Amino acid sequence: MTIDNKPITLTGNTEIDDEHQTFIGIISQLGFVGNAEFPALFKQLYTHAEQHFQREEQLIKQTAFPSEIEHIGEHWRVLAEFKQFKIKADKGRVWRSVMISIQ
């Protein structure tokens, strides 16, 4: 699995790896939808990320993940950026080309 030609490390947890694959798939689709379809697909990405991060954070806490604080902080950072982007997309202020440029 890759994004921007960089490999995505598999975790060995089938559920998490499948969710990462779904995440990458949605991001890839964003590059091919028109401006009218973009907000709904981005909302799907945002919702998927929220749910995935919640599940992953539960696993992190259960398994004493070595860099727990840093990893969860990265989740919060990504969601904050997504939230700002989603607000703009919901108002029609973001176009597909903007999302492609930040990938």
PDB file of N, CA and C in Angstrom:
ATOM      1  N   MET A   1       0.849  -1.165   0.000  1.00  0.00           N
ATOM      2  CA  MET A   1       0.000   0.000   0.000  1.00  0.00           C
ATOM      3  C   MET A   1       0.899   1.235   0.000  1.00  0.00           C
ATOM      4  N   THR A   2       0.577   2.228  -0.842  1.00  0.00           N
ATOM      5  CA  THR A   2       1.371   3.453  -0.900  1.00  0.00           C
ATOM      6  C   THR A   2       0.469   4.683  -0.975  1.00  0.00           C
ATOM      7  N   ILE A   3       1.024   5.806  -0.607  1.00  0.00           N
ATOM      8  CA  ILE A   3       0.394   7.108  -0.829  1.00  0.00           C
ATOM      9  C   ILE A   3       1.515   8.044  -1.238  1.00  0.00           C
ATOM     10  N   ASP A   4       1.276   8.788  -2.289  1.00  0.00           N
ATOM     11  CA  ASP A   4       2.326   9.638  -2.856  1.00  0.00           C
ATOM     12  C   ASP A   4       3.607   8.846  -3.087  1.00  0.00           C
ATOM     13  N   ASN A   5       3.451   7.591  -3.541  1.00  0.00           N
ATOM     14  CA  ASN A   5       4.573   6.692  -3.829  1.00  0.00           C
ATOM     15  C   ASN A   5       5.426   6.373  -2.606  1.00  0.00           C
ATOM     16  N   LYS A   6       4.899   6.595  -1.408  1.00  0.00           N
ATOM     17  CA  LYS A   6       5.600   6.229  -0.178  1.00  0.00           C
ATOM     18  C   LYS A   6       4.862   5.036   0.423  1.00  0.00           C
ATOM     19  N   PRO A   7       5.572   3.994   0.815  1.00  0.00           N
ATOM     20  CA  PRO A   7       4.892   2.829   1.366  1.00  0.00           C
ATOM     21  C   PRO A   7       4.251   3.125   2.715  1.00  0.00           C
ATOM     22  N   ILE A   8       3.082   2.538   2.914  1.00  0.00           N
ATOM     23  CA  ILE A   8       2.386   2.616   4.196  1.00  0.00           C
ATOM     24  C   ILE A   8       2.687   1.318   4.931  1.00  0.00           C
ATOM     25  N   THR A   9       3.253   1.437   6.107  1.00  0.00           N
ATOM     26  CA  THR A   9       3.613   0.265   6.884  1.00  0.00           C
ATOM     27  C   THR A   9       2.359  -0.417   7.408  1.00  0.00           C
ATOM     28  N   LEU A  10       2.280  -1.711   7.209  1.00  0.00           N
ATOM     29  CA  LEU A  10       1.183  -2.490   7.753  1.00  0.00           C
ATOM     30  C   LEU A  10       1.453  -2.742   9.231  1.00  0.00           C
ATOM     31  N   THR A  11       0.390  -2.750  10.016  1.00  0.00           N
ATOM     32  CA  THR A  11       0.544  -2.910  11.461  1.00  0.00           C
ATOM     33  C   THR A  11       0.534  -4.368  11.890  1.00  0.00           C
ATOM     34  N   GLY A  12      -0.029  -5.233  11.034  1.00  0.00           N
ATOM     35  CA  GLY A  12      -0.190  -6.624  11.431  1.00  0.00           C
ATOM     36  C   GLY A  12      -1.558  -6.871  12.054  1.00  0.00           C
ATOM     37  N   ASN A  13      -2.288  -5.795  12.347  1.00  0.00           N
ATOM     38  CA  ASN A  13      -3.651  -5.894  12.853  1.00  0.00           C
ATOM     39  C   ASN A  13      -4.573  -5.739  11.641  1.00  0.00           C
ATOM     40  N   THR A  14      -5.261  -6.809  11.284  1.00  0.00           N
ATOM     41  CA  THR A  14      -6.070  -6.827  10.066  1.00  0.00           C
ATOM     42  C   THR A  14      -7.097  -5.702  10.048  1.00  0.00           C
ATOM     43  N   GLU A  15      -7.775  -5.473  11.158  1.00  0.00           N
ATOM     44  CA  GLU A  15      -8.804  -4.424  11.214  1.00  0.00           C
ATOM     45  C   GLU A  15      -8.199  -3.044  10.943  1.00  0.00           C
ATOM     46  N   ILE A  16      -7.092  -2.745  11.602  1.00  0.00           N
ATOM     47  CA  ILE A  16      -6.438  -1.447  11.423  1.00  0.00           C
ATOM     48  C   ILE A  16      -5.889  -1.315  10.005  1.00  0.00           C
ATOM     49  N   ASP A  17      -5.232  -2.363   9.509  1.00  0.00           N
ATOM     50  CA  ASP A  17      -4.689  -2.322   8.153  1.00  0.00           C
ATOM     51  C   ASP A  17      -5.799  -2.126   7.109  1.00  0.00           C
ATOM     52  N   ASP A  18      -6.942  -2.793   7.302  1.00  0.00           N
ATOM     53  CA  ASP A  18      -8.073  -2.628   6.383  1.00  0.00           C
ATOM     54  C   ASP A  18      -8.599  -1.195   6.433  1.00  0.00           C
ATOM     55  N   GLU A  19      -8.656  -0.623   7.638  1.00  0.00           N
ATOM     56  CA  GLU A  19      -9.122   0.760   7.773  1.00  0.00           C
ATOM     57  C   GLU A  19      -8.142   1.728   7.108  1.00  0.00           C
ATOM     58  N   HIS A  20      -6.850   1.458   7.233  1.00  0.00           N
ATOM     59  CA  HIS A  20      -5.860   2.295   6.546  1.00  0.00           C
ATOM     60  C   HIS A  20      -6.062   2.202   5.034  1.00  0.00           C
ATOM     61  N   GLN A  21      -6.329   1.007   4.539  1.00  0.00           N
ATOM     62  CA  GLN A  21      -6.562   0.811   3.106  1.00  0.00           C
ATOM     63  C   GLN A  21      -7.796   1.598   2.658  1.00  0.00           C
ATOM     64  N   THR A  22      -8.865   1.574   3.461  1.00  0.00           N
ATOM     65  CA  THR A  22     -10.071   2.340   3.140  1.00  0.00           C
ATOM     66  C   THR A  22      -9.763   3.827   3.105  1.00  0.00           C
ATOM     67  N   PHE A  23      -9.000   4.296   4.083  1.00  0.00           N
ATOM     68  CA  PHE A  23      -8.602   5.698   4.169  1.00  0.00           C
ATOM     69  C   PHE A  23      -7.866   6.128   2.896  1.00  0.00           C
ATOM     70  N   ILE A  24      -6.898   5.325   2.474  1.00  0.00           N
ATOM     71  CA  ILE A  24      -6.124   5.617   1.270  1.00  0.00           C
ATOM     72  C   ILE A  24      -7.040   5.591   0.043  1.00  0.00           C
ATOM     73  N   GLY A  25      -7.972   4.657   0.027  1.00  0.00           N
ATOM     74  CA  GLY A  25      -8.908   4.573  -1.098  1.00  0.00           C
ATOM     75  C   GLY A  25      -9.775   5.813  -1.226  1.00  0.00           C
ATOM     76  N   ILE A  26     -10.265   6.317  -0.102  1.00  0.00           N
ATOM     77  CA  ILE A  26     -11.096   7.525  -0.138  1.00  0.00           C
ATOM     78  C   ILE A  26     -10.268   8.719  -0.604  1.00  0.00           C
ATOM     79  N   ILE A  27      -9.054   8.840  -0.079  1.00  0.00           N
ATOM     80  CA  ILE A  27      -8.184   9.940  -0.508  1.00  0.00           C
ATOM     81  C   ILE A  27      -7.951   9.863  -2.017  1.00  0.00           C
ATOM     82  N   SER A  28      -7.718   8.666  -2.514  1.00  0.00           N
ATOM     83  CA  SER A  28      -7.501   8.501  -3.956  1.00  0.00           C
ATOM     84  C   SER A  28      -8.731   8.927  -4.752  1.00  0.00           C
ATOM     85  N   GLN A  29      -9.921   8.578  -4.267  1.00  0.00           N
ATOM     86  CA  GLN A  29     -11.154   8.946  -4.962  1.00  0.00           C
ATOM     87  C   GLN A  29     -11.334  10.461  -5.030  1.00  0.00           C
ATOM     88  N   LEU A  30     -10.873  11.169  -4.012  1.00  0.00           N
ATOM     89  CA  LEU A  30     -11.039  12.623  -3.989  1.00  0.00           C
ATOM     90  C   LEU A  30     -10.397  13.286  -5.202  1.00  0.00           C
ATOM     91  N   GLY A  31      -9.378  12.672  -5.743  1.00  0.00           N
ATOM     92  CA  GLY A  31      -8.714  13.230  -6.913  1.00  0.00           C
ATOM     93  C   GLY A  31      -9.494  13.077  -8.199  1.00  0.00           C
ATOM     94  N   PHE A  32     -10.582  12.309  -8.166  1.00  0.00           N
ATOM     95  CA  PHE A  32     -11.314  12.012  -9.391  1.00  0.00           C
ATOM     96  C   PHE A  32     -12.759  12.501  -9.387  1.00  0.00           C
ATOM     97  N   VAL A  33     -13.203  13.087  -8.276  1.00  0.00           N
ATOM     98  CA  VAL A  33     -14.588  13.564  -8.230  1.00  0.00           C
ATOM     99  C   VAL A  33     -14.635  15.043  -8.614  1.00  0.00           C
ATOM    100  N   GLY A  34     -15.787  15.471  -9.051  1.00  0.00           N
ATOM    101  CA  GLY A  34     -15.987  16.871  -9.380  1.00  0.00           C
ATOM    102  C   GLY A  34     -16.237  17.682  -8.119  1.00  0.00           C
ATOM    103  N   ASN A  35     -16.268  18.987  -8.295  1.00  0.00           N
ATOM    104  CA  ASN A  35     -16.478  19.876  -7.154  1.00  0.00           C
ATOM    105  C   ASN A  35     -17.814  19.640  -6.460  1.00  0.00           C
ATOM    106  N   ALA A  36     -18.825  19.219  -7.200  1.00  0.00           N
ATOM    107  CA  ALA A  36     -20.136  18.972  -6.598  1.00  0.00           C
ATOM    108  C   ALA A  36     -20.120  17.754  -5.666  1.00  0.00           C
ATOM    109  N   GLU A  37     -19.331  16.741  -6.031  1.00  0.00           N
ATOM    110  CA  GLU A  37     -19.287  15.517  -5.228  1.00  0.00           C
ATOM    111  C   GLU A  37     -18.257  15.592  -4.106  1.00  0.00           C
ATOM    112  N   PHE A  38     -17.338  16.522  -4.227  1.00  0.00           N
ATOM    113  CA  PHE A  38     -16.217  16.590  -3.291  1.00  0.00           C
ATOM    114  C   PHE A  38     -16.631  16.714  -1.823  1.00  0.00           C
ATOM    115  N   PRO A  39     -17.548  17.650  -1.453  1.00  0.00           N
ATOM    116  CA  PRO A  39     -17.867  17.799  -0.023  1.00  0.00           C
ATOM    117  C   PRO A  39     -18.388  16.519   0.629  1.00  0.00           C
ATOM    118  N   ALA A  40     -19.251  15.784  -0.056  1.00  0.00           N
ATOM    119  CA  ALA A  40     -19.796  14.554   0.523  1.00  0.00           C
ATOM    120  C   ALA A  40     -18.716  13.495   0.704  1.00  0.00           C
ATOM    121  N   LEU A  41     -17.827  13.379  -0.269  1.00  0.00           N
ATOM    122  CA  LEU A  41     -16.756  12.385  -0.156  1.00  0.00           C
ATOM    123  C   LEU A  41     -15.759  12.793   0.924  1.00  0.00           C
ATOM    124  N   PHE A  42     -15.477  14.083   1.030  1.00  0.00           N
ATOM    125  CA  PHE A  42     -14.581  14.529   2.087  1.00  0.00           C
ATOM    126  C   PHE A  42     -15.204  14.286   3.457  1.00  0.00           C
ATOM    127  N   LYS A  43     -16.518  14.475   3.571  1.00  0.00           N
ATOM    128  CA  LYS A  43     -17.214  14.178   4.837  1.00  0.00           C
ATOM    129  C   LYS A  43     -17.057  12.699   5.177  1.00  0.00           C
ATOM    130  N   GLN A  44     -17.138  11.842   4.170  1.00  0.00           N
ATOM    131  CA  GLN A  44     -16.936  10.404   4.387  1.00  0.00           C
ATOM    132  C   GLN A  44     -15.523  10.147   4.914  1.00  0.00           C
ATOM    133  N   LEU A  45     -14.531  10.819   4.332  1.00  0.00           N
ATOM    134  CA  LEU A  45     -13.151  10.681   4.786  1.00  0.00           C
ATOM    135  C   LEU A  45     -13.012  11.138   6.236  1.00  0.00           C
ATOM    136  N   TYR A  46     -13.598  12.277   6.557  1.00  0.00           N
ATOM    137  CA  TYR A  46     -13.529  12.840   7.900  1.00  0.00           C
ATOM    138  C   TYR A  46     -14.162  11.882   8.920  1.00  0.00           C
ATOM    139  N   THR A  47     -15.341  11.379   8.605  1.00  0.00           N
ATOM    140  CA  THR A  47     -16.034  10.449   9.502  1.00  0.00           C
ATOM    141  C   THR A  47     -15.230   9.163   9.677  1.00  0.00           C
ATOM    142  N   HIS A  48     -14.703   8.661   8.575  1.00  0.00           N
ATOM    143  CA  HIS A  48     -13.879   7.442   8.643  1.00  0.00           C
ATOM    144  C   HIS A  48     -12.663   7.676   9.543  1.00  0.00           C
ATOM    145  N   ALA A  49     -12.008   8.813   9.376  1.00  0.00           N
ATOM    146  CA  ALA A  49     -10.817   9.125  10.180  1.00  0.00           C
ATOM    147  C   ALA A  49     -11.177   9.218  11.660  1.00  0.00           C
ATOM    148  N   GLU A  50     -12.263   9.898  11.976  1.00  0.00           N
ATOM    149  CA  GLU A  50     -12.686  10.008  13.383  1.00  0.00           C
ATOM    150  C   GLU A  50     -12.901   8.630  14.008  1.00  0.00           C
ATOM    151  N   GLN A  51     -13.670   7.803  13.319  1.00  0.00           N
ATOM    152  CA  GLN A  51     -13.977   6.472  13.849  1.00  0.00           C
ATOM    153  C   GLN A  51     -12.730   5.604  13.942  1.00  0.00           C
ATOM    154  N   HIS A  52     -11.896   5.675  12.931  1.00  0.00           N
ATOM    155  CA  HIS A  52     -10.664   4.889  12.931  1.00  0.00           C
ATOM    156  C   HIS A  52      -9.752   5.312  14.081  1.00  0.00           C
ATOM    157  N   PHE A  53      -9.571   6.610  14.253  1.00  0.00           N
ATOM    158  CA  PHE A  53      -8.693   7.091  15.318  1.00  0.00           C
ATOM    159  C   PHE A  53      -9.205   6.675  16.688  1.00  0.00           C
ATOM    160  N   GLN A  54     -10.518   6.675  16.884  1.00  0.00           N
ATOM    161  CA  GLN A  54     -11.072   6.220  18.164  1.00  0.00           C
ATOM    162  C   GLN A  54     -10.724   4.757  18.413  1.00  0.00           C
ATOM    163  N   ARG A  55     -10.921   3.919  17.400  1.00  0.00           N
ATOM    164  CA  ARG A  55     -10.598   2.489  17.556  1.00  0.00           C
ATOM    165  C   ARG A  55      -9.100   2.286  17.769  1.00  0.00           C
ATOM    166  N   GLU A  56      -8.306   2.992  17.006  1.00  0.00           N
ATOM    167  CA  GLU A  56      -6.861   2.835  17.114  1.00  0.00           C
ATOM    168  C   GLU A  56      -6.367   3.305  18.485  1.00  0.00           C
ATOM    169  N   GLU A  57      -6.918   4.394  18.988  1.00  0.00           N
ATOM    170  CA  GLU A  57      -6.508   4.888  20.301  1.00  0.00           C
ATOM    171  C   GLU A  57      -6.863   3.902  21.410  1.00  0.00           C
ATOM    172  N   GLN A  58      -7.991   3.207  21.277  1.00  0.00           N
ATOM    173  CA  GLN A  58      -8.334   2.164  22.248  1.00  0.00           C
ATOM    174  C   GLN A  58      -7.286   1.057  22.225  1.00  0.00           C
ATOM    175  N   LEU A  59      -6.901   0.636  21.026  1.00  0.00           N
ATOM    176  CA  LEU A  59      -5.872  -0.407  20.904  1.00  0.00           C
ATOM    177  C   LEU A  59      -4.528   0.067  21.446  1.00  0.00           C
ATOM    178  N   ILE A  60      -4.179   1.309  21.167  1.00  0.00           N
ATOM    179  CA  ILE A  60      -2.916   1.872  21.645  1.00  0.00           C
ATOM    180  C   ILE A  60      -2.857   1.818  23.171  1.00  0.00           C
ATOM    181  N   LYS A  61      -3.955   2.188  23.800  1.00  0.00           N
ATOM    182  CA  LYS A  61      -3.989   2.195  25.268  1.00  0.00           C
ATOM    183  C   LYS A  61      -3.968   0.773  25.833  1.00  0.00           C
ATOM    184  N   GLN A  62      -4.623  -0.150  25.150  1.00  0.00           N
ATOM    185  CA  GLN A  62      -4.668  -1.537  25.617  1.00  0.00           C
ATOM    186  C   GLN A  62      -3.323  -2.244  25.488  1.00  0.00           C
ATOM    187  N   THR A  63      -2.526  -1.815  24.518  1.00  0.00           N
ATOM    188  CA  THR A  63      -1.281  -2.529  24.237  1.00  0.00           C
ATOM    189  C   THR A  63      -0.033  -1.799  24.715  1.00  0.00           C
ATOM    190  N   ALA A  64      -0.205  -0.709  25.436  1.00  0.00           N
ATOM    191  CA  ALA A  64       0.942   0.079  25.919  1.00  0.00           C
ATOM    192  C   ALA A  64       1.883   0.435  24.767  1.00  0.00           C
ATOM    193  N   PHE A  65       1.306   0.962  23.708  1.00  0.00           N
ATOM    194  CA  PHE A  65       2.055   1.387  22.528  1.00  0.00           C
ATOM    195  C   PHE A  65       3.172   2.335  22.956  1.00  0.00           C
ATOM    196  N   PRO A  66       4.411   2.131  22.490  1.00  0.00           N
ATOM    197  CA  PRO A  66       5.554   2.877  23.010  1.00  0.00           C
ATOM    198  C   PRO A  66       5.499   4.394  22.822  1.00  0.00           C
ATOM    199  N   SER A  67       4.936   4.874  21.729  1.00  0.00           N
ATOM    200  CA  SER A  67       4.860   6.327  21.537  1.00  0.00           C
ATOM    201  C   SER A  67       3.400   6.777  21.512  1.00  0.00           C
ATOM    202  N   GLU A  68       2.684   6.325  22.520  1.00  0.00           N
ATOM    203  CA  GLU A  68       1.246   6.582  22.632  1.00  0.00           C
ATOM    204  C   GLU A  68       0.910   8.068  22.527  1.00  0.00           C
ATOM    205  N   ILE A  69       1.548   8.895  23.311  1.00  0.00           N
ATOM    206  CA  ILE A  69       1.214  10.319  23.359  1.00  0.00           C
ATOM    207  C   ILE A  69       1.461  10.980  22.001  1.00  0.00           C
ATOM    208  N   GLU A  70       2.583  10.687  21.387  1.00  0.00           N
ATOM    209  CA  GLU A  70       2.904  11.282  20.093  1.00  0.00           C
ATOM    210  C   GLU A  70       1.924  10.840  19.010  1.00  0.00           C
ATOM    211  N   HIS A  71       1.582   9.559  19.014  1.00  0.00           N
ATOM    212  CA  HIS A  71       0.693   9.032  17.978  1.00  0.00           C
ATOM    213  C   HIS A  71      -0.712   9.618  18.126  1.00  0.00           C
ATOM    214  N   ILE A  72      -1.208   9.663  19.341  1.00  0.00           N
ATOM    215  CA  ILE A  72      -2.540  10.233  19.569  1.00  0.00           C
ATOM    216  C   ILE A  72      -2.525  11.723  19.247  1.00  0.00           C
ATOM    217  N   GLY A  73      -1.437  12.406  19.574  1.00  0.00           N
ATOM    218  CA  GLY A  73      -1.305  13.813  19.211  1.00  0.00           C
ATOM    219  C   GLY A  73      -1.375  14.016  17.708  1.00  0.00           C
ATOM    220  N   GLU A  74      -0.796  13.093  16.964  1.00  0.00           N
ATOM    221  CA  GLU A  74      -0.852  13.169  15.500  1.00  0.00           C
ATOM    222  C   GLU A  74      -2.296  12.991  15.018  1.00  0.00           C
ATOM    223  N   HIS A  75      -3.039  12.114  15.664  1.00  0.00           N
ATOM    224  CA  HIS A  75      -4.462  11.955  15.326  1.00  0.00           C
ATOM    225  C   HIS A  75      -5.186  13.286  15.515  1.00  0.00           C
ATOM    226  N   TRP A  76      -4.963  13.923  16.648  1.00  0.00           N
ATOM    227  CA  TRP A  76      -5.632  15.203  16.939  1.00  0.00           C
ATOM    228  C   TRP A  76      -5.255  16.264  15.911  1.00  0.00           C
ATOM    229  N   ARG A  77      -3.986  16.292  15.521  1.00  0.00           N
ATOM    230  CA  ARG A  77      -3.535  17.273  14.536  1.00  0.00           C
ATOM    231  C   ARG A  77      -4.240  17.055  13.201  1.00  0.00           C
ATOM    232  N   VAL A  78      -4.280  15.802  12.759  1.00  0.00           N
ATOM    233  CA  VAL A  78      -4.921  15.483  11.485  1.00  0.00           C
ATOM    234  C   VAL A  78      -6.405  15.846  11.540  1.00  0.00           C
ATOM    235  N   LEU A  79      -7.078  15.471  12.618  1.00  0.00           N
ATOM    236  CA  LEU A  79      -8.508  15.782  12.724  1.00  0.00           C
ATOM    237  C   LEU A  79      -8.756  17.283  12.767  1.00  0.00           C
ATOM    238  N   ALA A  80      -7.892  18.041  13.423  1.00  0.00           N
ATOM    239  CA  ALA A  80      -8.051  19.498  13.464  1.00  0.00           C
ATOM    240  C   ALA A  80      -7.922  20.083  12.059  1.00  0.00           C
ATOM    241  N   GLU A  81      -6.941  19.607  11.303  1.00  0.00           N
ATOM    242  CA  GLU A  81      -6.783  20.083   9.927  1.00  0.00           C
ATOM    243  C   GLU A  81      -7.981  19.670   9.075  1.00  0.00           C
ATOM    244  N   PHE A  82      -8.426  18.433   9.226  1.00  0.00           N
ATOM    245  CA  PHE A  82      -9.589  17.955   8.487  1.00  0.00           C
ATOM    246  C   PHE A  82     -10.820  18.777   8.846  1.00  0.00           C
ATOM    247  N   LYS A  83     -10.966  19.088  10.128  1.00  0.00           N
ATOM    248  CA  LYS A  83     -12.148  19.835  10.566  1.00  0.00           C
ATOM    249  C   LYS A  83     -12.181  21.215   9.907  1.00  0.00           C
ATOM    250  N   GLN A  84     -11.059  21.897   9.880  1.00  0.00           N
ATOM    251  CA  GLN A  84     -11.000  23.203   9.229  1.00  0.00           C
ATOM    252  C   GLN A  84     -11.301  23.075   7.734  1.00  0.00           C
ATOM    253  N   PHE A  85     -10.752  22.066   7.127  1.00  0.00           N
ATOM    254  CA  PHE A  85     -10.978  21.837   5.703  1.00  0.00           C
ATOM    255  C   PHE A  85     -12.442  21.498   5.447  1.00  0.00           C
ATOM    256  N   LYS A  86     -13.035  20.667   6.328  1.00  0.00           N
ATOM    257  CA  LYS A  86     -14.436  20.262   6.182  1.00  0.00           C
ATOM    258  C   LYS A  86     -15.363  21.453   6.308  1.00  0.00           C
ATOM    259  N   ILE A  87     -15.092  22.356   7.229  1.00  0.00           N
ATOM    260  CA  ILE A  87     -15.916  23.562   7.388  1.00  0.00           C
ATOM    261  C   ILE A  87     -15.939  24.343   6.078  1.00  0.00           C
ATOM    262  N   LYS A  88     -14.779  24.500   5.477  1.00  0.00           N
ATOM    263  CA  LYS A  88     -14.700  25.218   4.200  1.00  0.00           C
ATOM    264  C   LYS A  88     -15.406  24.450   3.088  1.00  0.00           C
ATOM    265  N   ALA A  89     -15.210  23.147   3.057  1.00  0.00           N
ATOM    266  CA  ALA A  89     -15.842  22.325   2.016  1.00  0.00           C
ATOM    267  C   ALA A  89     -17.356  22.373   2.144  1.00  0.00           C
ATOM    268  N   ASP A  90     -17.870  22.323   3.377  1.00  0.00           N
ATOM    269  CA  ASP A  90     -19.315  22.378   3.598  1.00  0.00           C
ATOM    270  C   ASP A  90     -19.909  23.694   3.112  1.00  0.00           C
ATOM    271  N   LYS A  91     -19.113  24.746   3.146  1.00  0.00           N
ATOM    272  CA  LYS A  91     -19.575  26.061   2.690  1.00  0.00           C
ATOM    273  C   LYS A  91     -19.278  26.285   1.208  1.00  0.00           C
ATOM    274  N   GLY A  92     -18.717  25.277   0.551  1.00  0.00           N
ATOM    275  CA  GLY A  92     -18.414  25.394  -0.867  1.00  0.00           C
ATOM    276  C   GLY A  92     -17.183  26.217  -1.154  1.00  0.00           C
ATOM    277  N   ARG A  93     -16.321  26.373  -0.174  1.00  0.00           N
ATOM    278  CA  ARG A  93     -15.127  27.199  -0.340  1.00  0.00           C
ATOM    279  C   ARG A  93     -13.880  26.408  -0.718  1.00  0.00           C
ATOM    280  N   VAL A  94     -14.019  25.127  -0.836  1.00  0.00           N
ATOM    281  CA  VAL A  94     -12.866  24.291  -1.176  1.00  0.00           C
ATOM    282  C   VAL A  94     -13.222  23.499  -2.415  1.00  0.00           C
ATOM    283  N   TRP A  95     -12.261  23.427  -3.293  1.00  0.00           N
ATOM    284  CA  TRP A  95     -12.460  22.664  -4.512  1.00  0.00           C
ATOM    285  C   TRP A  95     -11.500  21.495  -4.523  1.00  0.00           C
ATOM    286  N   ARG A  96     -11.824  20.558  -5.335  1.00  0.00           N
ATOM    287  CA  ARG A  96     -11.062  19.324  -5.461  1.00  0.00           C
ATOM    288  C   ARG A  96      -9.577  19.611  -5.673  1.00  0.00           C
ATOM    289  N   SER A  97      -9.239  20.609  -6.454  1.00  0.00           N
ATOM    290  CA  SER A  97      -7.834  20.892  -6.750  1.00  0.00           C
ATOM    291  C   SER A  97      -7.054  21.269  -5.500  1.00  0.00           C
ATOM    292  N   VAL A  98      -7.713  21.863  -4.523  1.00  0.00           N
ATOM    293  CA  VAL A  98      -7.035  22.226  -3.272  1.00  0.00           C
ATOM    294  C   VAL A  98      -6.671  20.977  -2.514  1.00  0.00           C
ATOM    295  N   MET A  99      -7.554  20.008  -2.418  1.00  0.00           N
ATOM    296  CA  MET A  99      -7.278  18.764  -1.701  1.00  0.00           C
ATOM    297  C   MET A  99      -6.156  18.024  -2.392  1.00  0.00           C
ATOM    298  N   ILE A 100      -6.156  17.985  -3.689  1.00  0.00           N
ATOM    299  CA  ILE A 100      -5.103  17.272  -4.415  1.00  0.00           C
ATOM    300  C   ILE A 100      -3.749  17.888  -4.096  1.00  0.00           C
ATOM    301  N   SER A 101      -3.706  19.208  -3.971  1.00  0.00           N
ATOM    302  CA  SER A 101      -2.430  19.876  -3.720  1.00  0.00           C
ATOM    303  C   SER A 101      -1.899  19.616  -2.333  1.00  0.00           C
ATOM    304  N   ILE A 102      -2.755  19.227  -1.362  1.00  0.00           N
ATOM    305  CA  ILE A 102      -2.246  18.992  -0.008  1.00  0.00           C
ATOM    306  C   ILE A 102      -1.929  17.534   0.252  1.00  0.00           C
ATOM    307  N   GLN A 103      -2.190  16.665  -0.700  1.00  0.00           N
ATOM    308  CA  GLN A 103      -1.890  15.242  -0.496  1.00  0.00           C
ATOM    309  C   GLN A 103      -0.406  15.026  -0.447  1.00  0.00           C
TER     310      GLN A 103
END
